[in-house]
Protein backbone atom coordinates (compact mmCIF):
# COMPACT_ATOMS: atom_id res chain seq x y z
CA UNK A 1 -21.53 13.19 5.42
CA UNK A 2 -23.08 14.47 8.43
CA UNK A 3 -22.56 18.54 9.28
CA UNK A 4 -21.10 17.39 12.51
CA UNK A 5 -18.21 14.77 10.92
CA UNK A 6 -17.56 17.18 8.33
CA UNK A 7 -16.63 19.99 10.89
CA UNK A 8 -14.53 17.46 12.69
CA UNK A 9 -12.95 16.35 9.53
CA UNK A 10 -12.08 20.03 8.64
CA UNK A 11 -10.75 20.80 11.97
CA UNK A 12 -8.49 18.10 11.74
CA UNK A 13 -7.17 19.48 8.20
CA UNK A 14 -6.75 22.65 10.09
CA UNK A 15 -4.36 21.11 12.29
CA UNK A 16 -2.53 19.27 9.76
CA UNK A 17 -2.08 21.85 7.71
CA UNK A 18 -0.45 24.12 10.28
CA UNK A 19 2.75 25.45 8.69
CA UNK A 20 5.94 24.08 10.29
CA UNK A 21 4.16 21.35 12.33
CA UNK A 22 5.41 18.22 12.13
CA UNK A 23 3.90 14.67 12.74
CA UNK A 24 5.74 14.31 15.94
CA UNK A 25 5.07 17.88 17.36
CA UNK A 26 1.23 17.10 16.65
CA UNK A 27 1.56 13.94 18.35
CA UNK A 28 2.83 15.59 21.36
CA UNK A 29 0.02 17.92 21.40
CA UNK A 30 -2.58 15.43 20.75
CA UNK A 31 -1.40 13.33 23.71
CA UNK A 32 -1.92 16.63 26.17
CA UNK A 33 -5.05 18.25 24.42
CA UNK A 34 -6.84 15.17 22.72
CA UNK A 35 -8.01 16.96 19.69
CA UNK A 36 -7.49 19.99 17.41
CA UNK A 37 -10.44 21.99 18.94
CA UNK A 38 -8.61 22.12 22.26
CA UNK A 39 -5.46 23.11 20.76
CA UNK A 40 -6.76 25.84 18.97
CA UNK A 41 -8.32 26.93 22.41
CA UNK A 42 -4.84 26.61 24.01
CA UNK A 43 -2.85 29.89 25.12
CA UNK A 44 0.68 30.64 23.65
CA UNK A 45 1.93 29.85 27.57
CA UNK A 46 0.52 26.52 27.24
CA UNK A 47 1.38 25.77 23.73
CA UNK A 48 5.16 26.76 24.68
CA UNK A 49 4.75 24.28 27.26
CA UNK A 50 4.41 21.22 24.88
CA UNK A 51 7.53 19.34 23.70
CA UNK A 52 8.62 19.90 20.33
CA UNK A 53 6.61 23.00 19.74
CA UNK A 54 8.75 26.18 19.17
CA UNK A 55 7.97 29.51 19.28
CA UNK A 56 7.39 29.84 15.21
CA UNK A 57 5.14 26.99 15.59
CA UNK A 58 3.12 28.29 18.57
CA UNK A 59 2.82 31.70 16.72
CA UNK A 60 1.52 30.04 13.40
CA UNK A 61 -1.32 27.84 15.68
CA UNK A 62 -2.32 30.81 17.27
CA UNK A 63 -2.63 33.19 13.99
CA UNK A 64 -4.02 30.05 11.98
CA UNK A 65 -1.20 30.23 9.39
CA UNK A 66 -1.61 27.32 7.09
CA UNK A 67 0.91 25.74 4.21
CA UNK A 68 -2.17 25.42 1.99
CA UNK A 69 -6.06 27.10 2.45
CA UNK A 70 -7.88 24.44 4.28
CA UNK A 71 -10.86 25.41 2.48
CA UNK A 72 -9.83 24.96 -1.04
CA UNK A 73 -7.83 21.60 0.18
CA UNK A 74 -11.17 20.35 1.42
CA UNK A 75 -13.11 21.07 -1.77
CA UNK A 76 -10.47 19.16 -3.72
CA UNK A 77 -11.01 16.16 -1.21
CA UNK A 78 -14.67 16.16 -2.01
CA UNK A 79 -13.97 16.45 -5.62
CA UNK A 80 -11.80 13.57 -5.78
CA UNK A 81 -14.55 11.37 -4.06
CA UNK A 82 -11.77 11.10 -1.02
CA UNK A 83 -12.39 11.48 2.65
CA UNK A 84 -10.34 12.58 5.74
CA UNK A 85 -9.32 9.76 8.25
CA UNK A 86 -8.34 11.85 11.61
CA UNK A 87 -6.08 10.47 14.08
CA UNK A 88 -8.86 9.89 16.73
CA UNK A 89 -11.37 8.21 14.16
CA UNK A 90 -12.79 4.72 14.27
CA UNK A 91 -10.94 3.96 10.66
CA UNK A 92 -7.56 4.97 11.59
CA UNK A 93 -5.38 2.04 11.50
CA UNK A 94 -4.65 0.67 15.19
CA UNK A 95 -1.39 -0.17 14.55
CA UNK A 96 -0.22 3.00 12.85
CA UNK A 97 -1.24 5.01 16.06
CA UNK A 98 1.81 3.24 17.94
CA UNK A 99 4.56 4.36 15.84
CA UNK A 100 6.64 7.31 16.69
CA UNK A 101 5.45 9.65 13.92
CA UNK A 102 1.85 8.72 13.15
CA UNK A 103 0.34 10.93 10.36
CA UNK A 104 -2.17 13.44 11.77
CA UNK A 105 -4.78 12.27 9.44
CA UNK A 106 -5.00 10.28 6.19
CA UNK A 107 -6.69 10.95 2.84
CA UNK A 108 -8.65 7.80 1.68
CA UNK A 109 -10.60 6.47 -1.28
CA UNK A 110 -12.25 3.00 -1.73
CA UNK A 111 -13.73 1.04 1.13
CA UNK A 112 -13.76 1.68 4.89
CA UNK A 113 -10.60 0.25 6.40
CA UNK A 114 -10.84 -2.47 8.52
CA UNK A 115 -8.82 -0.91 11.36
CA UNK A 116 -8.80 -3.84 13.98
CA UNK A 117 -8.11 -6.21 11.41
CA UNK A 118 -4.33 -7.81 10.63
CA UNK A 119 -2.45 -6.26 7.64
CA UNK A 120 0.83 -7.90 6.20
CA UNK A 121 2.87 -6.03 3.62
CA UNK A 122 4.41 -7.29 0.86
CA UNK A 123 7.08 -5.17 -1.01
CA UNK A 124 9.79 -5.61 -3.34
CA UNK A 125 12.00 -4.59 -6.65
CA UNK A 126 10.62 -2.56 -9.25
CA UNK A 127 12.38 -4.62 -12.04
CA UNK A 128 11.51 -8.21 -10.49
CA UNK A 129 12.44 -11.55 -12.19
CA UNK A 130 9.31 -13.63 -13.32
CA UNK A 131 10.11 -15.65 -10.37
CA UNK A 132 9.85 -12.62 -7.86
CA UNK A 133 6.60 -11.61 -9.65
CA UNK A 134 5.05 -15.27 -9.26
CA UNK A 135 6.10 -15.30 -5.37
CA UNK A 136 4.57 -12.08 -4.51
CA UNK A 137 1.28 -12.99 -6.35
CA UNK A 138 1.20 -16.35 -4.69
CA UNK A 139 1.92 -14.84 -1.38
CA UNK A 140 -0.66 -11.87 -1.79
CA UNK A 141 -3.13 -14.81 -2.71
CA UNK A 142 -2.78 -17.04 -0.20
CA UNK A 143 -2.72 -14.22 2.77
CA UNK A 144 -6.00 -12.99 1.11
CA UNK A 145 -7.13 -16.60 1.22
CA UNK A 146 -6.49 -16.66 5.01
CA UNK A 147 -8.33 -13.31 5.96
CA UNK A 148 -4.99 -11.30 6.14
CA UNK A 149 -5.12 -8.15 4.35
CA UNK A 150 -2.56 -7.00 2.23
CA UNK A 151 -0.87 -3.52 2.17
CA UNK A 152 1.97 -2.51 -0.24
CA UNK A 153 2.90 0.72 -2.23
CA UNK A 154 1.18 0.23 -5.92
CA UNK A 155 4.58 0.04 -7.58
CA UNK A 156 5.88 -1.77 -10.56
CA UNK A 157 7.07 -5.06 -9.87
CA UNK A 158 6.57 -6.89 -6.74
CA UNK A 159 4.15 -4.24 -5.19
CA UNK A 160 1.48 -4.64 -7.87
CA UNK A 161 1.94 -8.54 -8.28
CA UNK A 162 1.27 -8.86 -4.52
CA UNK A 163 -1.99 -6.46 -4.75
CA UNK A 164 -3.11 -8.31 -7.83
CA UNK A 165 -2.59 -11.78 -5.78
CA UNK A 166 -4.88 -10.53 -2.92
CA UNK A 167 -7.29 -9.35 -5.16
CA UNK A 168 -7.44 -13.02 -7.27
CA UNK A 169 -7.84 -14.24 -3.40
CA UNK A 170 -11.02 -12.02 -2.86
CA UNK A 171 -9.05 -9.94 -0.22
CA UNK A 172 -8.92 -6.62 0.93
CA UNK A 173 -5.71 -4.62 -0.01
CA UNK A 174 -4.50 -1.20 0.76
CA UNK A 175 -2.41 1.00 -1.53
CA UNK A 176 0.09 3.51 0.29
CA UNK A 177 0.41 6.36 -2.11
CA UNK A 178 3.72 8.64 -2.15
CA UNK A 179 1.18 10.99 -4.14
CA UNK A 180 -2.00 12.39 -3.49
CA UNK A 181 -4.89 9.92 -3.54
CA UNK A 182 -6.15 11.71 -6.53
CA UNK A 183 -3.13 10.81 -8.73
CA UNK A 184 -2.64 7.68 -10.41
CA UNK A 185 1.15 6.41 -10.31
CA UNK A 186 2.49 4.86 -11.72
CA UNK A 187 0.34 5.15 -15.09
CA UNK A 188 1.06 1.70 -15.89
CA UNK A 189 -0.82 0.56 -12.82
CA UNK A 190 -3.95 2.48 -13.57
CA UNK A 191 -6.31 -0.44 -13.93
CA UNK A 192 -4.60 -1.98 -10.53
CA UNK A 193 -5.39 1.36 -8.83
CA UNK A 194 -9.33 1.31 -9.89
CA UNK A 195 -9.59 -2.44 -8.94
CA UNK A 196 -7.83 -1.53 -5.41
CA UNK A 197 -10.91 1.23 -5.02
CA UNK A 198 -13.40 -1.54 -5.60
CA UNK A 199 -12.04 -4.13 -3.01
CA UNK A 200 -10.00 -2.01 -0.72
CA UNK A 201 -8.68 1.50 -0.37
CA UNK A 202 -6.07 3.97 -1.58
CA UNK A 203 -4.40 5.99 1.48
CA UNK A 204 -1.68 8.99 1.79
CA UNK A 205 -0.72 11.61 3.96
CA UNK A 206 0.30 13.83 1.01
CA UNK A 207 -2.49 16.62 0.12
CA UNK A 208 -4.66 16.43 -3.12
CA UNK A 209 -2.33 16.65 -6.34
CA UNK A 210 0.73 15.75 -4.86
CA UNK A 211 3.22 14.48 -7.53
CA UNK A 212 5.44 11.67 -7.43
CA UNK A 213 8.36 13.39 -6.02
CA UNK A 214 11.32 11.04 -4.91
CA UNK A 215 11.35 12.30 -1.36
CA UNK A 216 7.85 11.27 -0.81
CA UNK A 217 8.48 7.69 -1.00
CA UNK A 218 10.58 6.81 1.80
CA UNK A 219 8.20 8.95 3.79
CA UNK A 220 5.14 6.96 2.75
CA UNK A 221 7.29 3.70 3.83
CA UNK A 222 6.70 4.14 7.41
CA UNK A 223 2.88 3.92 6.80
CA UNK A 224 3.11 0.91 4.86
CA UNK A 225 5.29 -0.91 7.65
CA UNK A 226 3.18 1.14 10.28
CA UNK A 227 -0.40 -0.59 9.60
CA UNK A 228 1.26 -3.90 9.22
CA UNK A 229 2.17 -6.57 11.88
CA UNK A 230 4.67 -8.00 9.30
CA UNK A 231 6.67 -6.70 6.35
CA UNK A 232 7.51 -9.23 3.75
CA UNK A 233 10.45 -8.61 1.27
CA UNK A 234 10.29 -10.87 -2.16
CA UNK A 235 13.07 -9.36 -4.19
CA UNK A 236 15.37 -6.30 -3.28
CA UNK A 237 18.95 -5.20 -4.28
CA UNK A 238 20.88 -4.17 -1.34
CA UNK A 239 20.02 -0.38 -2.36
CA UNK A 240 16.42 -1.16 -2.70
CA UNK A 241 13.75 1.33 -1.12
CA UNK A 242 12.25 -1.98 0.54
CA UNK A 243 15.11 -2.38 2.78
CA UNK A 244 14.02 1.20 3.82
CA UNK A 245 10.86 -0.37 4.59
CA UNK A 246 12.32 -3.15 6.65
CA UNK A 247 14.58 -1.08 8.57
CA UNK A 248 11.47 1.10 9.54
CA UNK A 249 9.54 -2.26 10.23
CA UNK A 250 11.97 -3.11 12.71
CA UNK A 251 12.48 0.03 14.39
CA UNK A 252 8.51 -0.28 14.85
CA UNK A 253 8.71 -3.45 16.57
CA UNK A 254 7.38 -5.35 13.27
CA UNK A 255 8.04 -8.66 12.07
CA UNK A 256 10.47 -8.79 9.08
CA UNK A 257 10.19 -11.62 6.49
CA UNK A 258 12.25 -12.42 3.35
CA UNK A 259 11.87 -14.62 0.40
CA UNK A 260 14.90 -16.41 -1.01
CA UNK A 261 15.91 -16.33 -4.21
CA UNK A 262 18.68 -17.12 -6.54
CA UNK A 263 22.13 -16.74 -5.09
CA UNK A 264 23.20 -15.43 -8.84
CA UNK A 265 20.59 -12.81 -9.01
CA UNK A 266 21.59 -9.12 -7.78
CA UNK A 267 17.60 -8.76 -7.11
CA UNK A 268 17.84 -11.39 -4.41
CA UNK A 269 20.88 -9.62 -2.71
CA UNK A 270 18.72 -7.29 -0.47
CA UNK A 271 16.59 -10.50 0.35
CA UNK A 272 19.62 -12.61 1.55
CA UNK A 273 21.15 -9.90 3.30
CA UNK A 274 17.84 -9.58 5.19
CA UNK A 275 17.89 -13.19 6.20
CA UNK A 276 21.72 -12.84 7.43
CA UNK A 277 20.55 -10.11 9.65
CA UNK A 278 17.94 -12.31 11.13
CA UNK A 279 14.74 -11.93 8.96
CA UNK A 280 12.48 -15.17 8.80
CA UNK A 281 13.05 -17.08 5.68
CA UNK A 282 9.61 -17.66 4.29
CA UNK A 283 8.36 -19.37 1.02
CA UNK A 284 4.29 -19.25 1.41
CA UNK A 285 1.90 -17.49 3.57
CA UNK A 286 1.65 -20.51 6.16
CA UNK A 287 5.16 -19.82 6.91
CA UNK A 288 4.38 -16.15 7.64
CA UNK A 289 1.33 -16.79 9.85
CA UNK A 290 3.32 -19.63 11.61
CA UNK A 291 5.65 -16.78 12.65
CA UNK A 292 3.32 -14.59 13.61
CA UNK A 293 1.58 -17.22 15.68
CA UNK A 294 -0.93 -18.51 13.34
CA UNK A 295 -2.89 -15.12 13.39
CA UNK A 296 -5.88 -14.82 11.23
CA UNK A 297 -8.27 -11.63 10.43
CA UNK A 298 -11.38 -11.57 12.79
CA UNK A 299 -14.65 -10.41 12.16
CA UNK A 300 -17.00 -9.78 9.28
CA UNK A 301 -14.44 -8.25 7.10
CA UNK A 302 -12.82 -11.41 6.62
CA UNK A 303 -13.22 -12.76 3.14
CA UNK A 304 -13.28 -16.69 2.33
CA UNK A 305 -11.69 -17.70 -0.67
CA UNK A 306 -11.62 -20.92 -2.84
CA UNK A 307 -8.16 -22.50 -2.65
CA UNK A 308 -8.22 -23.61 -6.28
CA UNK A 309 -6.41 -21.71 -8.75
CA UNK A 310 -9.14 -20.71 -11.11
CA UNK A 311 -8.68 -17.80 -13.67
CA UNK A 312 -7.95 -14.44 -11.99
CA UNK A 313 -11.32 -12.18 -11.77
CA UNK A 314 -12.66 -9.43 -13.36
CA UNK A 315 -10.79 -10.47 -17.05
CA UNK A 316 -12.15 -9.04 -19.94
CA UNK A 317 -13.49 -11.56 -22.55
CA UNK A 318 -10.40 -11.13 -24.71
CA UNK A 319 -7.97 -11.45 -21.60
CA UNK A 320 -9.78 -14.66 -20.60
CA UNK A 321 -9.38 -16.13 -24.14
CA UNK A 322 -5.82 -15.36 -24.12
CA UNK A 323 -5.33 -16.54 -20.38
CA UNK A 324 -7.05 -20.21 -21.14
CA UNK A 325 -4.73 -20.84 -23.93
CA UNK A 326 -2.11 -20.41 -21.72
CA UNK A 327 -0.48 -23.07 -19.35
CA UNK A 328 3.01 -23.91 -18.10
CA UNK A 329 3.72 -25.10 -21.45
CA UNK A 330 5.22 -22.19 -23.62
CA UNK A 331 2.78 -21.13 -26.32
CA UNK A 332 4.31 -18.58 -29.34
CA UNK A 333 2.57 -15.24 -29.94
CA UNK A 334 1.38 -16.44 -33.39
CA UNK A 335 0.10 -19.67 -31.94
CA UNK A 336 -1.91 -17.41 -29.52
CA UNK A 337 -3.21 -15.30 -32.27
CA UNK A 338 -4.27 -18.36 -34.44
CA UNK A 339 -6.09 -19.93 -31.33
CA UNK A 340 -8.35 -16.93 -30.14
CA UNK A 341 -8.87 -15.59 -33.55
CA UNK A 342 -7.94 -11.86 -32.06
CA UNK A 343 -5.90 -9.57 -34.09
CA UNK A 344 -2.21 -9.77 -33.78
CA UNK A 345 -1.76 -6.02 -32.25
CA UNK A 346 -4.85 -6.74 -29.68
CA UNK A 347 -3.01 -9.89 -28.53
CA UNK A 348 0.38 -8.22 -28.11
CA UNK A 349 -1.34 -5.33 -26.14
CA UNK A 350 -3.18 -7.66 -24.05
CA UNK A 351 -0.16 -9.95 -23.20
CA UNK A 352 1.76 -6.60 -22.07
CA UNK A 353 -0.90 -5.73 -19.69
CA UNK A 354 -1.11 -9.03 -18.39
CA UNK A 355 2.40 -9.22 -17.91
CA UNK A 356 2.58 -6.10 -15.86
CA UNK A 357 -0.19 -7.57 -13.66
CA UNK A 358 1.63 -10.77 -13.12
CA UNK A 359 -0.62 -12.90 -14.91
CA UNK A 360 1.57 -14.07 -17.45
CA UNK A 361 5.30 -14.50 -18.36
CA UNK A 362 7.31 -13.70 -21.70
CA UNK A 363 10.10 -16.15 -22.54
CA UNK A 364 12.80 -15.94 -25.13
CA UNK A 365 11.61 -15.93 -28.96
CA UNK A 366 7.91 -14.50 -28.20
CA UNK A 367 6.67 -17.29 -26.23
CA UNK A 368 4.48 -17.09 -22.97
CA UNK A 369 3.32 -18.79 -19.83
CA UNK A 370 1.20 -18.30 -17.30
CA UNK A 371 2.96 -16.83 -14.28
């Protein structure tokens, strides 16, 4: 990182860490002064004239009173192999700048964000049905094959399935965390976390080391919808956090889509509620693109993929051996052990990982099918 780039990122970090300065106040300051250097050079009288900036925050800016030591925080960013994306940076997502309370900066790991391209969020239940997992994975893959980037929260269930699907479609996926970007959460998605780093990025507005506190996730949901042109809800109860994301998407002027499910399933109550409220009913990525005007992601970052459904990428030899023995016809665990020649404990452990990744589905009686 060039010295000037590093100095600029550090100045933005200092602004971000001013005690008591929220995103709305920071945005108001930036609209007047353009950047942190001019803000820190402003007088008390000038700062007090800015809407939403009270006397205490003005004093904190003038005294450089920070919530966390910027020097220490910057070192933690570097140690994690992360980077800072300031509000005025070319990498900062274009759509995110337009919301009411955009983050002053983003912490990021992984590949550069194609900020001018089109992102679609896919979110839903952390305890989905096999149907929900299959639909999320399919939509994620189909969007990727059309050059649309997938955004989600790396959560268990629908989020993870959609992002695995995007990776299978050789696409770019962004995981928006409710923790620091150096915290892998949930631990069960560790493998997915590092796969996302290889083919996309992990971002957060929270400092390094931030733990998964419940209050963080509704805050991060506005970023999931904010970077996106549309939000797809696959499965959700009426009290699901996914409905919060959908509500924020509507407030931000984004399209909201919902995948229908069984009328007998409580996990579809939220999506059916959204449809009744006017959300577009969708079953495929093609439905989503039609509603969005047939948009596809422009530029060299678009990655084409074959529409043929071959085996998922980057499976280990043992995972591939199991996957090739599965189909839509159920196969018992003991039969998989016999066919693959692997130890029963190894097969059971790999099947659990593959089920969490949305690749296989377990049916009653220890039988398995491809998801």
